[in-house]
Amino acid sequence: MPLIVKDYTWTQTETIVYINVPLKGVKVGKVDIFSTDEYLKVHFPPFLFEAFLSEPIDDDKSTAKIGNGVAVFTLQKKEERLWEHLVINNNDKDKSREIRERALLKAQAKLAAESKAKATKTQEERKYALETMMKLEEEGRAKIQKMKDDECEKATAQLEAWKLKQRQIAEEEAQLKLQSQRIKVDKQSKSEKIHVPRTSDQCKVKHDQKNSVQSISKKKQVDLPAPRSTGNIQIKFTPRVFPTALRESRVPEEEEWLQKQAEARRAINVNLAELKDLTEEERNPDWLKEKGDKLFATGNYLAAINAYSLAIKLNRKIPAMYSNRAACHLKLRNLHKAIEDSSWALDLLTPPVAGNAGARTRAHVRRGTAFCELELYTEGLQDYQAALTIDPQNETLQADTHKIRQIIQGSAPCSE
């Protein structure tokens, strides 16, 4: 049963309400806030603050700040006027329950709307990303195709130029061959008529013909296009954990799975420097719990706390570890630590079922005992009453609850 916080303060203007709720030494990370336009709840175990607001507020424009041991709420009024009361008279339990249920339904509807909007936005972003990726891929393919077409046109032009050059060379060779044949025929016809000594002009013509043949042969060798050079294209792929393609995968689900795997590895490998010298048996939380129980039975409470603490580092979900460590802290009068460990145990013992009734009873009694040792008898009585609700036939609990009630009423000395 939570402890109701009543020592809060509030002020107001015509447009804003300010509420200050003391956190009673509880860490900021353990504070849970829930609010709607007519209901405000602050839960920081083992304490609880509830406000059934007398007038509606604008929850979207309201803010909360936590620090310096206090939670400060700035609530924007829907109507500009001064309130006569901050909260309504909540003695009617049915009305309070109705307001809580209505607030829960509003919060669920708001969460569903935000989730739907977020899903729609995510879907639109994915669609935009896919369209952008497809557009980029299409542009890339078009660019590659253009490069291929340009290379094909260039190669075709070079081939046509080479064919034209070859035809020109062939025509020149044919003309040169025809000219040589004509010269040979003329020479033979002249030699039959008369032998005439070769003049210098004739020698020059023959020399020119020879140089022309050599020049054509050199051009044929020089004008041939060089063969293309070979090469390798390096391709790199983005490394991925999952085998599916990126655009076919479900990125948020994959990231969530990877995060859970990383957390599991951290939980297994926690404090390796501290655990590296332990045996395999000493890494077993059940074995450490049994060892802590034996040390507690012999009165070695510090060693028992070390065993339970190491077991908690290995597995933080076993409520018995916290409850047993709270018992050790009680013996050593580490009362605040006993309250904290008992609260952790009660948080883990949810939902309340018949199977964990005994463990819940022990946790309530240990926390109630620590409260009474700190002379916080009202809080201690609440824990003892919660334990008595679980085990109403327990005579020891009945007697202890009666003693605490007497102390509060002033009919019994505090030493009892």
Protein backbone atom coordinates (compact mmCIF):
# COMPACT_ATOMS: atom_id res chain seq x y z
CA MET A 1 0.00 0.00 0.00
CA PRO A 2 1.58 3.34 -1.05
CA LEU A 3 2.08 6.23 1.36
CA ILE A 4 -0.15 9.20 0.43
CA VAL A 5 1.68 12.56 0.22
CA LYS A 6 -0.29 15.40 1.79
CA ASP A 7 2.38 18.00 2.57
CA TYR A 8 2.28 19.62 -0.91
CA THR A 9 1.80 23.34 -1.61
CA TRP A 10 0.09 25.24 -4.43
CA THR A 11 -0.36 28.77 -5.71
CA GLN A 12 -2.25 30.22 -8.66
CA THR A 13 -2.79 33.12 -11.01
CA GLU A 14 -5.79 33.68 -13.25
CA THR A 15 -4.16 31.56 -15.97
CA ILE A 16 -1.68 29.20 -14.23
CA VAL A 17 -1.62 26.84 -11.23
CA TYR A 18 1.71 25.96 -9.56
CA ILE A 19 1.98 22.77 -7.45
CA ASN A 20 5.09 21.76 -5.43
CA VAL A 21 5.32 18.11 -4.37
CA PRO A 22 8.24 17.08 -2.05
CA LEU A 23 9.99 13.89 -3.20
CA LYS A 24 11.14 12.88 0.32
CA GLY A 25 14.65 11.90 -0.75
CA VAL A 26 13.56 9.63 -3.63
CA LYS A 27 15.83 9.67 -6.69
CA VAL A 28 14.61 11.47 -9.82
CA GLY A 29 14.81 8.31 -11.92
CA LYS A 30 12.17 6.59 -9.77
CA VAL A 31 9.51 9.32 -10.17
CA ASP A 32 6.56 8.42 -12.45
CA ILE A 33 4.13 11.19 -13.54
CA PHE A 34 0.66 10.70 -15.06
CA SER A 35 -1.70 13.58 -15.91
CA THR A 36 -4.83 14.51 -17.87
CA ASP A 37 -6.98 17.62 -18.01
CA GLU A 38 -8.65 16.77 -14.65
CA TYR A 39 -6.30 14.35 -12.86
CA LEU A 40 -2.64 14.41 -11.73
CA LYS A 41 -0.68 11.53 -10.19
CA VAL A 42 2.96 11.38 -9.03
CA HIS A 43 4.23 7.95 -7.95
CA PHE A 44 7.66 7.63 -6.32
CA PRO A 45 7.69 4.37 -4.30
CA PRO A 46 6.71 4.03 -1.57
CA PHE A 47 4.94 7.42 -1.83
CA LEU A 48 1.97 8.52 -3.95
CA PHE A 49 0.47 11.96 -4.70
CA GLU A 50 -2.97 12.25 -6.33
CA ALA A 51 -4.90 15.42 -7.28
CA PHE A 52 -8.48 15.35 -8.58
CA LEU A 53 -8.47 18.89 -10.02
CA SER A 54 -11.52 21.06 -9.38
CA GLU A 55 -11.24 22.78 -12.79
CA PRO A 56 -9.99 21.50 -16.17
CA ILE A 57 -6.49 22.33 -17.42
CA ASP A 58 -4.74 22.27 -20.80
CA ASP A 59 -2.57 19.18 -20.42
CA ASP A 60 -0.67 19.80 -23.67
CA LYS A 61 0.54 23.25 -22.48
CA SER A 62 1.30 22.16 -18.90
CA THR A 63 4.84 21.28 -17.78
CA ALA A 64 6.64 19.47 -14.96
CA LYS A 65 10.18 19.98 -13.61
CA ILE A 66 11.95 17.68 -11.14
CA GLY A 67 15.02 18.69 -9.15
CA ASN A 68 16.38 19.65 -5.74
CA GLY A 69 14.12 17.10 -4.04
CA VAL A 70 10.84 18.56 -5.34
CA ALA A 71 8.53 18.18 -8.37
CA VAL A 72 7.14 21.52 -9.65
CA PHE A 73 4.07 21.44 -11.93
CA THR A 74 2.98 24.43 -14.04
CA LEU A 75 -0.63 23.78 -15.11
CA GLN A 76 -2.27 25.98 -17.76
CA LYS A 77 -5.92 26.76 -16.95
CA LYS A 78 -8.50 26.37 -19.69
CA GLU A 79 -10.55 29.27 -18.29
CA GLU A 80 -8.95 32.43 -16.96
CA ARG A 81 -10.23 32.72 -13.39
CA LEU A 82 -9.16 31.98 -9.83
CA TRP A 83 -10.03 28.57 -8.39
CA GLU A 84 -11.68 28.29 -5.00
CA HIS A 85 -10.08 24.89 -4.42
CA LEU A 86 -7.24 22.98 -6.04
CA VAL A 87 -8.90 19.57 -5.75
CA ILE A 88 -12.44 18.32 -5.32
CA ASN A 89 -13.62 16.52 -2.21
CA ASN A 90 -12.53 12.97 -2.97
CA ASN A 91 -14.15 11.23 -0.03
CA ASP A 92 -16.44 9.54 -2.53
CA LYS A 93 -14.42 6.49 -3.56
CA ASP A 94 -16.75 5.67 -6.47
CA LYS A 95 -16.33 9.16 -7.91
CA SER A 96 -12.55 8.96 -7.46
CA ARG A 97 -12.46 5.62 -9.21
CA GLU A 98 -14.61 7.02 -12.01
CA ILE A 99 -12.21 9.96 -12.48
CA ARG A 100 -9.19 7.61 -12.55
CA GLU A 101 -10.85 5.37 -15.12
CA ARG A 102 -11.85 8.36 -17.24
CA ALA A 103 -8.30 9.75 -17.02
CA LEU A 104 -6.90 6.36 -18.04
CA LEU A 105 -9.26 6.17 -21.03
CA LYS A 106 -8.27 9.69 -22.10
CA ALA A 107 -4.58 8.85 -21.77
CA GLN A 108 -5.06 5.64 -23.77
CA ALA A 109 -6.96 7.51 -26.48
CA LYS A 110 -4.27 10.20 -26.61
CA LEU A 111 -1.53 7.57 -26.73
CA ALA A 112 -3.37 5.70 -29.49
CA ALA A 113 -3.74 8.91 -31.50
CA GLU A 114 -0.06 9.77 -31.04
CA SER A 115 0.92 6.20 -31.95
CA LYS A 116 -1.25 6.34 -35.05
CA ALA A 117 0.18 9.71 -36.04
CA LYS A 118 3.68 8.44 -35.43
CA ALA A 119 2.98 5.30 -37.47
CA THR A 120 1.55 7.41 -40.29
CA LYS A 121 4.56 9.72 -40.20
CA THR A 122 6.93 6.74 -40.14
CA GLN A 123 5.09 5.18 -43.08
CA GLU A 124 5.30 8.44 -45.02
CA GLU A 125 8.99 8.78 -44.24
CA ARG A 126 9.60 5.20 -45.36
CA LYS A 127 7.59 5.81 -48.51
CA TYR A 128 9.53 9.02 -49.20
CA ALA A 129 12.83 7.26 -48.52
CA LEU A 130 11.86 4.40 -50.84
CA GLU A 131 10.75 6.78 -53.58
CA THR A 132 13.96 8.78 -53.17
CA MET A 133 16.06 5.62 -53.29
CA MET A 134 14.21 4.38 -56.39
CA LYS A 135 14.66 7.79 -58.00
CA LEU A 136 18.38 7.78 -57.22
CA GLU A 137 18.70 4.23 -58.56
CA GLU A 138 16.80 5.22 -61.71
CA GLU A 139 19.07 8.24 -62.16
CA GLY A 140 22.10 5.99 -61.61
CA ARG A 141 20.86 3.49 -64.19
CA ALA A 142 20.12 6.30 -66.65
CA LYS A 143 23.60 7.72 -66.10
CA ILE A 144 25.21 4.32 -66.64
CA GLN A 145 23.07 3.75 -69.76
CA LYS A 146 24.09 7.17 -71.10
CA MET A 147 27.75 6.31 -70.53
CA LYS A 148 27.23 3.02 -72.38
CA ASP A 149 25.46 4.78 -75.23
CA ASP A 150 28.21 7.40 -75.44
CA GLU A 151 30.89 4.68 -75.49
CA CYS A 152 28.94 2.77 -78.14
CA GLU A 153 28.59 5.88 -80.31
CA LYS A 154 32.28 6.66 -79.84
CA ALA A 155 33.29 3.10 -80.74
CA THR A 156 30.92 3.13 -83.76
CA ALA A 157 32.39 6.44 -84.95
CA GLN A 158 35.94 5.11 -84.56
CA LEU A 159 34.99 1.94 -86.47
CA GLU A 160 33.41 3.93 -89.31
CA ALA A 161 36.45 6.21 -89.47
CA TRP A 162 38.73 3.17 -89.58
CA LYS A 163 36.63 1.58 -92.38
CA LEU A 164 36.73 4.83 -94.36
CA LYS A 165 40.49 5.01 -93.90
CA GLN A 166 40.86 1.41 -95.04
CA ARG A 167 38.79 2.13 -98.19
CA GLN A 168 40.92 5.16 -98.96
CA ILE A 169 44.12 3.14 -98.51
CA ALA A 170 42.71 0.35 -100.72
CA GLU A 171 41.77 2.86 -103.44
CA GLU A 172 45.22 4.45 -103.29
CA GLU A 173 46.90 1.02 -103.57
CA ALA A 174 44.66 0.12 -106.50
CA GLN A 175 45.51 3.37 -108.28
CA LEU A 176 49.19 2.87 -107.58
CA LYS A 177 49.06 -0.70 -108.88
CA LEU A 178 47.23 0.44 -112.04
CA GLN A 179 49.75 3.20 -112.54
CA SER A 180 52.61 0.70 -112.14
CA GLN A 181 51.06 -1.61 -114.69
CA ARG A 182 50.68 1.26 -117.16
CA ILE A 183 54.28 2.31 -116.68
CA LYS A 184 55.43 -1.27 -117.21
CA VAL A 185 53.38 -1.57 -120.44
CA ASP A 186 54.74 1.71 -121.72
CA LYS A 187 58.24 0.62 -120.89
CA GLN A 188 57.87 -2.63 -122.76
CA SER A 189 56.39 -0.91 -125.81
CA LYS A 190 59.19 1.60 -125.89
CA SER A 191 61.87 -1.06 -125.45
CA GLU A 192 60.54 -2.89 -128.47
CA LYS A 193 60.86 0.20 -130.61
CA ILE A 194 64.23 1.46 -129.42
CA HIS A 195 66.45 1.20 -126.46
CA VAL A 196 66.66 4.63 -125.03
CA PRO A 197 68.81 5.42 -121.99
CA ARG A 198 66.88 6.32 -118.86
CA THR A 199 66.69 10.00 -118.32
CA SER A 200 66.90 11.77 -115.01
CA ASP A 201 63.16 12.54 -115.17
CA GLN A 202 62.29 8.91 -115.47
CA CYS A 203 64.50 8.08 -112.48
CA LYS A 204 62.82 10.82 -110.53
CA VAL A 205 59.34 9.44 -111.37
CA LYS A 206 60.33 5.96 -110.29
CA HIS A 207 61.85 7.31 -107.10
CA ASP A 208 58.65 9.29 -106.38
CA GLN A 209 56.56 6.20 -106.99
CA LYS A 210 58.67 4.22 -104.55
CA ASN A 211 58.40 6.94 -101.88
CA SER A 212 54.62 7.09 -102.41
CA VAL A 213 54.29 3.33 -101.83
CA GLN A 214 56.39 3.56 -98.65
CA SER A 215 54.37 6.55 -97.37
CA ILE A 216 51.06 4.70 -97.93
CA SER A 217 52.45 1.65 -96.11
CA LYS A 218 53.56 3.82 -93.13
CA LYS A 219 50.15 5.54 -92.97
CA LYS A 220 48.47 2.16 -92.91
CA GLN A 221 50.55 1.19 -89.89
CA VAL A 222 50.24 4.52 -88.03
CA ASP A 223 46.46 5.18 -88.49
CA LEU A 224 45.29 1.90 -86.95
CA PRO A 225 43.47 2.56 -83.58
CA ALA A 226 45.19 1.23 -80.46
CA PRO A 227 43.50 -1.67 -78.61
CA ARG A 228 41.54 -0.81 -75.46
CA SER A 229 43.22 -1.31 -72.09
CA THR A 230 41.68 -3.77 -69.59
CA GLY A 231 40.88 -3.07 -65.93
CA ASN A 232 38.96 -4.20 -62.82
CA ILE A 233 36.03 -2.37 -61.19
CA GLN A 234 36.05 -2.59 -57.37
CA ILE A 235 32.60 -3.03 -55.77
CA LYS A 236 31.99 -2.61 -52.02
CA PHE A 237 28.78 -3.54 -50.22
CA THR A 238 27.54 -2.00 -46.97
CA PRO A 239 27.93 -4.61 -44.15
CA ARG A 240 24.62 -5.69 -42.57
CA VAL A 241 23.73 -7.98 -39.69
CA PHE A 242 20.55 -9.24 -41.36
CA PRO A 243 20.63 -11.02 -44.76
CA THR A 244 17.74 -9.06 -46.30
CA ALA A 245 18.22 -6.00 -48.48
CA LEU A 246 17.98 -2.68 -46.63
CA ARG A 247 14.83 -1.48 -48.39
CA GLU A 248 13.15 -4.88 -47.79
CA SER A 249 14.00 -4.96 -44.08
CA ARG A 250 12.14 -3.59 -41.02
CA VAL A 251 14.73 -1.19 -39.64
CA PRO A 252 13.05 -0.22 -36.31
CA GLU A 253 12.41 -3.86 -35.37
CA GLU A 254 15.99 -4.80 -36.25
CA GLU A 255 17.43 -1.95 -34.17
CA GLU A 256 15.21 -2.91 -31.21
CA TRP A 257 16.38 -6.53 -31.46
CA LEU A 258 20.05 -5.49 -31.64
CA GLN A 259 19.59 -3.19 -28.60
CA LYS A 260 18.04 -6.02 -26.58
CA GLN A 261 20.90 -8.32 -27.54
CA ALA A 262 23.44 -5.69 -26.46
CA GLU A 263 21.66 -5.24 -23.11
CA ALA A 264 21.63 -9.00 -22.59
CA ARG A 265 25.36 -9.19 -23.30
CA ARG A 266 26.01 -6.33 -20.88
CA ALA A 267 23.96 -8.10 -18.21
CA ILE A 268 25.97 -11.29 -18.69
CA ASN A 269 29.33 -9.55 -18.80
CA VAL A 270 28.61 -6.99 -16.05
CA ASN A 271 31.60 -6.05 -13.94
CA LEU A 272 33.94 -8.51 -15.67
CA ALA A 273 36.85 -7.13 -13.68
CA GLU A 274 35.02 -8.14 -10.50
CA LEU A 275 33.76 -11.50 -11.79
CA LYS A 276 36.81 -12.72 -13.67
CA ASP A 277 38.31 -14.45 -10.62
CA LEU A 278 35.05 -16.25 -9.67
CA THR A 279 34.42 -19.90 -10.35
CA GLU A 280 31.53 -21.10 -12.48
CA GLU A 281 29.67 -22.06 -9.31
CA GLU A 282 30.12 -18.56 -7.85
CA ARG A 283 28.55 -17.05 -10.97
CA ASN A 284 25.23 -18.81 -10.20
CA PRO A 285 22.67 -16.46 -8.50
CA ASP A 286 20.88 -19.40 -6.84
CA TRP A 287 24.14 -20.63 -5.31
CA LEU A 288 24.90 -17.08 -4.08
CA LYS A 289 21.41 -16.81 -2.53
CA GLU A 290 21.89 -20.09 -0.65
CA LYS A 291 25.31 -18.90 0.52
CA GLY A 292 23.83 -15.58 1.69
CA ASP A 293 21.08 -17.41 3.60
CA LYS A 294 23.68 -19.54 5.42
CA LEU A 295 25.79 -16.48 6.28
CA PHE A 296 22.69 -14.70 7.61
CA ALA A 297 21.86 -17.70 9.77
CA THR A 298 25.36 -17.59 11.32
CA GLY A 299 25.09 -13.83 11.98
CA ASN A 300 27.65 -12.75 9.36
CA TYR A 301 25.39 -10.05 7.92
CA LEU A 302 28.05 -8.10 5.99
CA ALA A 303 29.18 -11.21 4.12
CA ALA A 304 25.54 -12.08 3.44
CA ILE A 305 24.98 -8.59 1.97
CA ASN A 306 28.00 -9.09 -0.33
CA ALA A 307 26.60 -12.44 -1.53
CA TYR A 308 23.13 -10.99 -2.20
CA SER A 309 24.61 -7.90 -3.91
CA LEU A 310 26.70 -10.04 -6.26
CA ALA A 311 23.63 -12.18 -7.06
CA ILE A 312 21.65 -8.98 -7.84
CA LYS A 313 24.39 -7.84 -10.25
CA LEU A 314 24.03 -11.17 -12.06
CA ASN A 315 20.21 -11.10 -12.07
CA ARG A 316 18.22 -7.99 -11.05
CA LYS A 317 14.80 -9.66 -11.39
CA ILE A 318 14.80 -11.93 -8.29
CA PRO A 319 12.75 -10.25 -5.51
CA ALA A 320 14.05 -12.60 -2.79
CA MET A 321 17.56 -11.14 -3.18
CA TYR A 322 16.32 -7.63 -2.32
CA SER A 323 14.07 -8.83 0.50
CA ASN A 324 16.84 -10.90 2.12
CA ARG A 325 19.34 -8.07 1.77
CA ALA A 326 16.79 -5.78 3.45
CA ALA A 327 16.72 -8.21 6.41
CA CYS A 328 20.54 -7.95 6.65
CA HIS A 329 20.36 -4.14 6.57
CA LEU A 330 17.81 -4.25 9.39
CA LYS A 331 20.22 -6.27 11.52
CA LEU A 332 22.98 -3.72 10.83
CA ARG A 333 20.52 -0.79 11.28
CA ASN A 334 21.02 0.45 7.74
CA LEU A 335 17.36 1.47 7.87
CA HIS A 336 17.11 3.60 4.72
CA LYS A 337 18.75 0.84 2.67
CA ALA A 338 16.34 -1.67 4.20
CA ILE A 339 13.38 0.48 3.07
CA GLU A 340 14.84 0.81 -0.44
CA ASP A 341 15.48 -2.95 -0.84
CA SER A 342 12.02 -3.84 0.51
CA SER A 343 10.43 -1.42 -1.97
CA TRP A 344 12.39 -3.01 -4.83
CA ALA A 345 11.20 -6.45 -3.74
CA LEU A 346 7.55 -5.29 -3.63
CA ASP A 347 7.87 -3.76 -7.10
CA LEU A 348 9.11 -7.10 -8.45
CA LEU A 349 6.38 -9.07 -6.63
CA THR A 350 3.70 -7.92 -9.05
CA PRO A 351 1.05 -8.90 -9.85
CA PRO A 352 -0.01 -9.97 -6.32
CA VAL A 353 -0.96 -13.66 -6.47
CA ALA A 354 -1.26 -16.48 -3.96
CA GLY A 355 2.15 -17.82 -4.97
CA ASN A 356 4.03 -14.71 -3.79
CA ALA A 357 1.83 -13.90 -0.75
CA GLY A 358 4.50 -14.99 1.77
CA ALA A 359 7.23 -12.98 0.06
CA ARG A 360 5.03 -9.86 -0.04
CA THR A 361 4.20 -10.27 3.65
CA ARG A 362 7.89 -10.47 4.60
CA ALA A 363 8.77 -7.43 2.45
CA HIS A 364 5.99 -5.33 4.03
CA VAL A 365 7.03 -6.36 7.55
CA ARG A 366 10.70 -5.54 6.92
CA ARG A 367 9.90 -2.16 5.43
CA GLY A 368 7.40 -1.43 8.20
CA THR A 369 9.99 -2.38 10.83
CA ALA A 370 12.54 -0.01 9.26
CA PHE A 371 9.98 2.83 9.27
CA CYS A 372 9.20 2.20 12.95
CA GLU A 373 12.92 2.17 13.80
CA LEU A 374 13.10 5.60 12.15
CA GLU A 375 10.06 6.61 14.28
CA LEU A 376 7.91 6.95 11.16
CA TYR A 377 5.13 4.99 12.84
CA THR A 378 2.33 6.05 10.46
CA GLU A 379 4.22 4.69 7.44
CA GLY A 380 5.20 1.59 9.40
CA LEU A 381 1.58 0.96 10.39
CA GLN A 382 0.52 1.09 6.74
CA ASP A 383 3.04 -1.63 5.85
CA TYR A 384 1.98 -3.81 8.80
CA GLN A 385 -1.67 -3.39 7.83
CA ALA A 386 -0.82 -4.40 4.26
CA ALA A 387 0.96 -7.52 5.59
CA LEU A 388 -2.03 -8.29 7.85
CA THR A 389 -4.35 -7.98 4.84
CA ILE A 390 -2.33 -10.68 3.11
CA ASP A 391 -2.13 -12.94 6.21
CA PRO A 392 -5.05 -11.96 8.48
CA GLN A 393 -4.70 -15.03 10.74
CA ASN A 394 -1.11 -14.28 11.76
CA GLU A 395 -1.26 -13.58 15.52
CA THR A 396 2.24 -12.07 15.64
CA LEU A 397 1.32 -9.56 12.96
CA GLN A 398 -1.90 -8.73 14.82
CA ALA A 399 0.03 -8.08 18.03
CA ASP A 400 2.71 -5.95 16.34
CA THR A 401 0.09 -3.92 14.46
CA HIS A 402 -1.76 -3.30 17.72
CA LYS A 403 1.46 -2.11 19.43
CA ILE A 404 2.25 0.34 16.61
CA ARG A 405 -1.28 1.69 16.70
CA GLN A 406 -0.95 2.22 20.47
CA ILE A 407 2.33 4.07 19.97
CA ILE A 408 0.68 6.40 17.43
CA GLN A 409 -2.26 6.99 19.78
CA GLY A 410 0.14 7.71 22.64
CA SER A 411 -1.03 4.88 24.90
CA ALA A 412 2.25 2.94 24.80
CA PRO A 413 5.90 4.00 25.19
CA CYS A 414 8.05 4.21 22.05
CA SER A 415 10.47 1.60 23.38
CA GLU A 416 7.85 -1.10 22.88
